[in-house]
Amino acid sequence: MNMVFDKPSLWQRLRPVFQGFDGPLALALAMLCALGLTIMYSAGYDNGSRFNDHARNMVLGAVVMFLVAQISPQRLMALAVPLYTFGVILLVATAVFGVTKKGATRWLHVGIDIQPSEILKIAMPLMLAWWFQRREGQLSAPDFGVAALLLAVPVGLIMKQPDLGTAILVLSGGLYVIFFAGLSWKLILPVLLAGAIGVTALVLSEPTICQPDVKWMVLREYQKHRVCTLLDPTQDPLGKGFHIIQGMIAIGSGGLTGKGLMQGTQTHLEFIPERTTDFIFAAYSEELGLMGCVLLLLCFLFLIFRGLMIAAEAPTLFARLLAGAVSLSFFTYSFVNMGMVSGILPVVGVPLPFISYGGTAMVTLGLALGILMSIAKSRRLMQS
């Protein structure tokens, strides 16, 4: 008796690879990428090959996301300790042998210049999620102390470089894991209250503490200038306050519907510094207006909400903590970037996800989304 076996089609062979990918998360990503490409074409059409490079970076980020999505959460957990250890070793090596550019020692030369702190954006939540998974069912106060120490080491090394923007992102990623692990509000509220009192005191004492002869013990001199410029950018309107002033002018001049693509005067007359990187939100606001900003915010909220839903449905504590921290990292990125451009936060080097130009940032975002896709995929495969 002859038996005939049909050769499987290409889709049948590829289907297991794509099975379980989260559709709503992919939709949110597609919307943000479309907005990013649109504004990059408008803001960067007269700035060399920025649009083509931005599209290439997006493709690279998508490839990274696809590859990471194939790694199961169990394998990700096995990578946590080696990746964290490797990242910290590289940070120490950077402090000793690093390359200094513009007064900051953030790069390590290994044939090419790499920035080891980028590794900790992913390694930090991985490590803490691994730690709390190990302590599941027997968590105590000392366990949170160990987590705080694991977080403090890389953050301190990054601050020393100095790189305040990356330190904020690494710190927030670790704090999100600690919060989702069950840190008591009795410990959180006093810190928030102390922070609010500190900010209020800083604002009230601005005329005194921002004098040139006053030294701040905690922050470096350039960081002091950033804070003081935030409090009163008109003190140096053509120098340190120029970025903030021009960003606020561009945002306000966009009005309700914006001036139109490629029609932004602040953008194309080059009043906005870094118009395709850190300050691209100012160009976006000027050309697409309030309605465009609302659309962008809704896309980010959709992405974050979907990520939190994936976290809530994750099968293990490790996956829940990791997905929750990764999801809220998108909030940190967008809030800090929009805040600094709008003049409510000091200027730090934090890009706007999928909108700002930058290859390294796009790879990091691809890693984060790949982790979310992996967790969503594992949950769906378990259910089926």
Protein backbone atom coordinates (compact mmCIF):
# COMPACT_ATOMS: atom_id res chain seq x y z
CA MET A 1 0.00 0.00 0.00
CA ASN A 2 1.43 3.36 -1.05
CA MET A 3 1.29 6.18 1.44
CA VAL A 4 1.46 9.77 0.25
CA PHE A 5 2.83 12.43 2.55
CA ASP A 6 2.08 16.04 1.65
CA LYS A 7 5.07 18.31 1.91
CA PRO A 8 4.31 21.01 4.50
CA SER A 9 3.99 24.53 3.15
CA LEU A 10 6.36 27.32 4.09
CA TRP A 11 3.77 28.81 6.45
CA GLN A 12 3.23 25.46 8.18
CA ARG A 13 6.96 25.23 8.81
CA LEU A 14 7.25 28.81 10.04
CA ARG A 15 4.02 28.86 12.05
CA PRO A 16 5.53 27.43 15.28
CA VAL A 17 8.05 30.27 15.25
CA PHE A 18 5.34 32.95 15.13
CA GLN A 19 2.77 31.09 17.21
CA GLY A 20 2.03 32.90 20.43
CA PHE A 21 3.27 36.33 19.34
CA ASP A 22 1.14 38.98 21.02
CA GLY A 23 -0.97 40.78 18.42
CA PRO A 24 -1.94 43.86 20.49
CA LEU A 25 1.67 44.42 21.51
CA ALA A 26 2.79 44.16 17.88
CA LEU A 27 0.05 46.65 16.90
CA ALA A 28 1.22 49.18 19.50
CA LEU A 29 4.79 48.77 18.26
CA ALA A 30 3.73 49.25 14.63
CA MET A 31 1.85 52.47 15.48
CA LEU A 32 4.82 53.92 17.35
CA CYS A 33 7.24 52.97 14.58
CA ALA A 34 4.96 54.61 11.99
CA LEU A 35 4.90 57.84 14.01
CA GLY A 36 8.67 57.63 14.50
CA LEU A 37 9.37 57.22 10.79
CA THR A 38 6.96 60.02 9.91
CA ILE A 39 8.51 62.61 12.21
CA MET A 40 12.06 61.46 11.40
CA TYR A 41 11.38 62.03 7.71
CA SER A 42 9.98 65.47 8.46
CA ALA A 43 12.55 66.61 11.01
CA GLY A 44 15.55 64.95 9.39
CA TYR A 45 14.95 65.20 5.64
CA ASP A 46 17.54 67.99 5.44
CA ASN A 47 19.87 66.30 7.91
CA GLY A 48 21.73 63.72 5.86
CA SER A 49 20.57 60.09 5.93
CA ARG A 50 18.81 60.16 9.29
CA PHE A 51 15.52 58.78 7.93
CA ASN A 52 17.16 55.82 6.17
CA ASP A 53 19.36 55.11 9.19
CA HIS A 54 16.35 55.30 11.52
CA ALA A 55 14.47 52.79 9.36
CA ARG A 56 17.52 50.52 9.35
CA ASN A 57 17.75 50.75 13.15
CA MET A 58 14.09 49.79 13.42
CA VAL A 59 14.68 46.72 11.26
CA LEU A 60 17.67 45.81 13.44
CA GLY A 61 15.55 46.25 16.58
CA ALA A 62 12.82 44.07 15.06
CA VAL A 63 15.33 41.31 14.30
CA VAL A 64 16.62 41.46 17.89
CA MET A 65 13.04 41.33 19.20
CA PHE A 66 12.26 38.32 17.00
CA LEU A 67 15.36 36.43 18.12
CA VAL A 68 14.87 37.16 21.83
CA ALA A 69 11.20 36.14 21.57
CA GLN A 70 12.39 32.63 20.68
CA ILE A 71 14.15 32.31 24.06
CA SER A 72 11.91 30.87 26.75
CA PRO A 73 11.55 32.68 30.11
CA GLN A 74 13.33 29.74 31.74
CA ARG A 75 16.39 30.32 29.57
CA LEU A 76 16.19 34.05 30.22
CA MET A 77 16.27 33.33 33.94
CA ALA A 78 19.39 31.20 33.45
CA LEU A 79 21.06 34.17 31.73
CA ALA A 80 20.30 36.61 34.56
CA VAL A 81 23.33 36.04 36.80
CA PRO A 82 25.95 35.72 34.02
CA LEU A 83 24.64 38.82 32.20
CA TYR A 84 24.50 40.92 35.37
CA THR A 85 27.98 39.80 36.45
CA PHE A 86 29.40 40.45 32.98
CA GLY A 87 27.80 43.92 32.93
CA VAL A 88 29.21 44.90 36.32
CA ILE A 89 32.69 43.64 35.35
CA LEU A 90 32.54 45.77 32.21
CA LEU A 91 31.48 48.80 34.28
CA VAL A 92 34.47 48.31 36.56
CA ALA A 93 36.73 47.93 33.51
CA THR A 94 35.25 51.14 32.09
CA ALA A 95 36.08 52.99 35.31
CA VAL A 96 39.70 51.79 35.09
CA PHE A 97 40.43 51.58 31.35
CA GLY A 98 37.52 53.48 29.82
CA VAL A 99 37.57 55.99 26.97
CA THR A 100 36.78 59.57 28.02
CA LYS A 101 34.72 61.77 25.71
CA LYS A 102 33.47 65.25 26.62
CA GLY A 103 34.44 64.72 30.25
CA ALA A 104 32.58 61.40 30.66
CA THR A 105 34.18 57.95 30.87
CA ARG A 106 31.32 55.83 29.54
CA TRP A 107 32.94 53.79 26.77
CA LEU A 108 35.21 50.77 26.65
CA HIS A 109 37.39 50.21 23.60
CA VAL A 110 37.38 46.58 22.43
CA GLY A 111 38.18 47.14 18.78
CA ILE A 112 35.17 49.43 18.76
CA ASP A 113 33.84 51.69 21.50
CA ILE A 114 31.00 50.05 23.47
CA GLN A 115 28.89 51.48 26.30
CA PRO A 116 28.61 48.74 28.98
CA SER A 117 25.94 50.60 30.94
CA GLU A 118 23.44 49.72 28.18
CA ILE A 119 23.70 46.06 29.21
CA LEU A 120 22.41 46.87 32.71
CA LYS A 121 19.15 48.29 31.37
CA ILE A 122 18.14 44.68 30.69
CA ALA A 123 20.45 42.80 33.08
CA MET A 124 19.24 44.70 36.15
CA PRO A 125 15.55 43.69 36.05
CA LEU A 126 16.60 40.19 34.95
CA MET A 127 18.86 39.82 37.98
CA LEU A 128 16.37 41.12 40.52
CA ALA A 129 13.52 39.06 39.05
CA TRP A 130 15.80 35.99 39.33
CA TRP A 131 16.59 36.87 42.97
CA PHE A 132 12.96 37.23 44.01
CA GLN A 133 12.03 34.05 42.14
CA ARG A 134 14.59 32.18 44.24
CA ARG A 135 13.15 33.68 47.43
CA GLU A 136 9.51 33.07 46.46
CA GLY A 137 7.41 32.07 49.43
CA GLN A 138 10.03 33.08 52.00
CA LEU A 139 10.60 36.77 51.35
CA SER A 140 11.80 38.84 54.30
CA ALA A 141 13.24 42.31 54.88
CA PRO A 142 16.89 41.17 54.36
CA ASP A 143 15.94 39.92 50.89
CA PHE A 144 14.91 43.42 49.91
CA GLY A 145 18.20 44.66 51.38
CA VAL A 146 20.14 42.27 49.12
CA ALA A 147 18.08 43.49 46.14
CA ALA A 148 18.90 47.11 47.04
CA LEU A 149 22.61 46.25 47.16
CA LEU A 150 22.45 44.48 43.80
CA LEU A 151 20.83 47.62 42.40
CA ALA A 152 23.15 50.12 44.09
CA VAL A 153 26.40 48.67 42.72
CA PRO A 154 25.80 49.24 38.99
CA VAL A 155 23.87 52.47 39.53
CA GLY A 156 26.78 53.86 41.57
CA LEU A 157 29.29 52.87 38.88
CA ILE A 158 27.17 54.48 36.17
CA MET A 159 26.72 57.67 38.19
CA LYS A 160 30.50 57.85 38.59
CA GLN A 161 31.06 57.89 34.81
CA PRO A 162 28.96 60.22 34.96
CA ASP A 163 25.80 59.24 33.05
CA LEU A 164 22.71 60.46 34.88
CA GLY A 165 20.27 59.47 32.13
CA THR A 166 21.31 55.82 31.99
CA ALA A 167 21.58 55.68 35.80
CA ILE A 168 17.95 56.82 36.05
CA LEU A 169 16.83 54.11 33.60
CA VAL A 170 18.76 51.34 35.36
CA LEU A 171 17.60 52.53 38.79
CA SER A 172 13.95 52.73 37.75
CA GLY A 173 14.07 49.27 36.14
CA GLY A 174 15.37 47.78 39.39
CA LEU A 175 12.93 49.70 41.57
CA TYR A 176 9.99 48.49 39.49
CA VAL A 177 10.99 44.87 40.16
CA ILE A 178 11.38 45.55 43.89
CA PHE A 179 7.97 47.27 43.96
CA PHE A 180 6.19 44.44 42.15
CA ALA A 181 7.91 41.93 44.44
CA GLY A 182 5.87 43.34 47.31
CA LEU A 183 7.80 46.21 48.91
CA SER A 184 5.64 47.66 51.68
CA TRP A 185 3.99 51.05 51.21
CA LYS A 186 5.22 51.86 54.72
CA LEU A 187 8.68 52.09 53.20
CA ILE A 188 7.64 53.71 49.92
CA LEU A 189 5.52 56.58 51.26
CA PRO A 190 8.22 58.11 53.53
CA VAL A 191 10.63 58.18 50.58
CA LEU A 192 8.04 59.85 48.36
CA LEU A 193 7.24 62.37 51.10
CA ALA A 194 10.92 63.14 51.65
CA GLY A 195 11.36 63.62 47.90
CA ALA A 196 8.42 66.01 47.69
CA ILE A 197 9.76 68.04 50.62
CA GLY A 198 13.22 68.09 49.04
CA VAL A 199 11.93 69.33 45.67
CA THR A 200 9.83 72.02 47.37
CA ALA A 201 12.81 73.20 49.40
CA LEU A 202 14.96 73.22 46.26
CA VAL A 203 12.50 75.40 44.36
CA LEU A 204 12.07 77.84 47.24
CA SER A 205 15.80 78.20 47.82
CA GLU A 206 16.75 78.45 44.12
CA PRO A 207 18.01 82.08 44.24
CA THR A 208 20.49 81.16 46.99
CA ILE A 209 21.72 77.67 46.14
CA CYS A 210 22.23 78.42 42.45
CA GLN A 211 24.84 81.09 43.06
CA PRO A 212 28.18 80.30 41.30
CA ASP A 213 30.13 80.09 44.58
CA VAL A 214 27.73 77.55 46.16
CA LYS A 215 28.91 73.93 45.90
CA TRP A 216 26.60 70.92 45.99
CA MET A 217 28.04 67.94 47.81
CA VAL A 218 26.00 65.24 46.06
CA LEU A 219 25.92 66.38 42.42
CA ARG A 220 28.70 67.37 40.08
CA GLU A 221 28.96 70.96 38.88
CA TYR A 222 27.41 70.30 35.46
CA GLN A 223 24.51 68.47 37.15
CA LYS A 224 23.99 71.45 39.45
CA HIS A 225 23.82 73.68 36.37
CA ARG A 226 21.18 71.43 34.79
CA VAL A 227 18.96 71.62 37.87
CA CYS A 228 19.40 75.38 38.22
CA THR A 229 18.73 75.87 34.51
CA LEU A 230 15.51 73.89 34.90
CA LEU A 231 14.41 76.13 37.78
CA ASP A 232 15.15 79.30 35.79
CA PRO A 233 16.28 78.80 32.17
CA THR A 234 16.22 82.56 31.52
CA GLN A 235 19.37 82.98 33.61
CA ASP A 236 21.40 81.80 30.61
CA PRO A 237 19.03 81.97 27.60
CA LEU A 238 21.77 81.61 24.97
CA GLY A 239 23.77 79.01 26.85
CA LYS A 240 22.62 76.33 29.26
CA GLY A 241 18.96 77.42 29.09
CA PHE A 242 18.80 77.47 25.29
CA HIS A 243 17.63 73.84 24.91
CA ILE A 244 14.75 74.19 27.36
CA ILE A 245 13.58 77.59 26.11
CA GLN A 246 13.57 76.59 22.45
CA GLY A 247 11.89 73.27 23.24
CA MET A 248 9.05 75.00 25.09
CA ILE A 249 8.66 77.58 22.30
CA ALA A 250 8.40 74.80 19.70
CA ILE A 251 5.86 72.83 21.74
CA GLY A 252 3.70 75.91 22.36
CA SER A 253 3.86 77.11 18.76
CA GLY A 254 2.41 73.85 17.48
CA GLY A 255 -1.04 74.76 18.75
CA LEU A 256 -3.89 72.31 18.36
CA THR A 257 -3.09 70.72 14.99
CA GLY A 258 0.55 71.73 14.42
CA LYS A 259 2.23 73.60 11.59
CA GLY A 260 2.35 70.55 9.35
CA LEU A 261 5.07 68.12 8.36
CA MET A 262 8.29 69.84 7.22
CA GLN A 263 6.74 73.21 8.11
CA GLY A 264 8.13 73.69 11.62
CA THR A 265 10.08 76.94 11.77
CA GLN A 266 11.80 76.20 15.08
CA THR A 267 12.76 72.79 13.74
CA HIS A 268 14.06 73.65 10.28
CA LEU A 269 15.64 76.98 11.15
CA GLU A 270 17.70 74.91 13.61
CA PHE A 271 16.57 76.60 16.81
CA ILE A 272 15.99 73.14 18.31
CA PRO A 273 19.27 71.46 19.22
CA GLU A 274 19.35 67.66 18.75
CA ARG A 275 16.08 67.82 16.80
CA THR A 276 16.34 64.19 15.64
CA THR A 277 17.62 62.69 18.90
CA ASP A 278 16.87 63.80 22.48
CA PHE A 279 14.73 66.82 21.49
CA ILE A 280 12.71 65.24 18.71
CA PHE A 281 9.54 65.57 20.81
CA ALA A 282 9.81 69.37 20.39
CA ALA A 283 9.90 68.97 16.61
CA TYR A 284 7.03 66.45 16.79
CA SER A 285 4.90 68.84 18.88
CA GLU A 286 5.57 71.81 16.62
CA GLU A 287 4.62 69.99 13.43
CA LEU A 288 1.79 67.75 14.67
CA GLY A 289 0.43 69.85 17.53
CA LEU A 290 -1.60 68.83 20.55
CA MET A 291 -3.62 66.26 18.63
CA GLY A 292 -0.45 64.53 17.46
CA CYS A 293 0.89 64.53 21.03
CA VAL A 294 -2.32 62.98 22.34
CA LEU A 295 -2.06 60.26 19.69
CA LEU A 296 1.56 59.59 20.69
CA LEU A 297 0.65 59.41 24.38
CA LEU A 298 -2.21 57.00 23.65
CA CYS A 299 0.16 54.74 21.71
CA PHE A 300 2.60 54.67 24.63
CA LEU A 301 -0.22 54.02 27.09
CA PHE A 302 -1.50 51.19 24.90
CA LEU A 303 2.00 49.65 24.79
CA ILE A 304 2.49 49.96 28.55
CA PHE A 305 -0.99 48.67 29.37
CA ARG A 306 -0.55 45.66 27.11
CA GLY A 307 2.80 44.91 28.69
CA LEU A 308 1.26 45.04 32.16
CA MET A 309 -1.51 42.69 31.01
CA ILE A 310 1.16 40.24 29.83
CA ALA A 311 2.81 40.58 33.24
CA ALA A 312 -0.46 39.93 35.08
CA GLU A 313 -1.05 36.73 33.08
CA ALA A 314 2.54 35.44 33.25
CA PRO A 315 2.88 31.90 34.66
CA THR A 316 5.79 32.45 37.07
CA LEU A 317 6.92 35.10 39.54
CA PHE A 318 10.10 35.70 37.52
CA ALA A 319 8.10 36.34 34.35
CA ARG A 320 5.61 38.61 36.14
CA LEU A 321 8.31 40.75 37.75
CA LEU A 322 10.35 40.97 34.56
CA ALA A 323 7.41 41.80 32.30
CA GLY A 324 6.11 44.41 34.75
CA ALA A 325 9.49 46.14 35.03
CA VAL A 326 10.09 46.08 31.26
CA SER A 327 6.62 47.50 30.60
CA LEU A 328 7.08 50.39 33.01
CA SER A 329 10.55 51.10 31.60
CA PHE A 330 8.76 52.45 28.52
CA PHE A 331 6.94 54.85 30.87
CA THR A 332 10.29 55.99 32.31
CA TYR A 333 11.79 56.55 28.87
CA SER A 334 8.84 58.57 27.57
CA PHE A 335 8.13 60.52 30.78
CA VAL A 336 11.74 61.59 31.29
CA ASN A 337 12.24 62.56 27.64
CA MET A 338 8.98 64.49 27.31
CA GLY A 339 9.51 66.04 30.73
CA MET A 340 12.97 67.38 29.94
CA VAL A 341 11.86 68.76 26.55
CA SER A 342 8.82 70.39 28.18
CA GLY A 343 10.89 72.02 30.93
CA ILE A 344 9.58 70.05 33.92
CA LEU A 345 12.66 67.80 34.33
CA PRO A 346 16.41 68.46 33.99
CA VAL A 347 17.96 67.74 30.60
CA VAL A 348 19.45 64.23 30.58
CA GLY A 349 20.39 61.90 27.73
CA VAL A 350 17.23 59.78 27.52
CA PRO A 351 15.75 59.09 24.05
CA LEU A 352 12.06 58.92 23.21
CA PRO A 353 11.37 55.23 22.39
CA PHE A 354 10.99 54.49 18.66
CA ILE A 355 10.89 58.22 17.88
CA SER A 356 14.44 59.42 18.65
CA TYR A 357 17.32 58.50 16.37
CA GLY A 358 19.82 56.03 17.81
CA GLY A 359 20.94 52.49 17.01
CA THR A 360 22.00 51.42 20.51
CA ALA A 361 18.71 52.55 22.03
CA MET A 362 16.74 50.71 19.33
CA VAL A 363 18.58 47.46 20.05
CA THR A 364 17.86 47.85 23.77
CA LEU A 365 14.18 48.47 23.00
CA GLY A 366 14.16 45.41 20.75
CA LEU A 367 15.55 43.33 23.63
CA ALA A 368 12.84 44.64 25.96
CA LEU A 369 10.04 43.91 23.50
CA GLY A 370 11.51 40.49 22.75
CA ILE A 371 11.31 39.66 26.46
CA LEU A 372 7.64 40.68 26.56
CA MET A 373 6.93 38.64 23.42
CA SER A 374 8.73 35.63 24.93
CA ILE A 375 6.65 35.80 28.11
CA ALA A 376 3.41 36.24 26.17
CA LYS A 377 4.38 33.37 23.86
CA SER A 378 5.18 30.99 26.73
CA ARG A 379 1.82 31.73 28.36
CA ARG A 380 -0.13 31.04 25.18
CA LEU A 381 1.78 27.85 24.40
CA MET A 382 1.08 26.60 27.93
CA GLN A 383 -2.62 27.31 27.52
CA SER A 384 -2.74 25.44 24.21
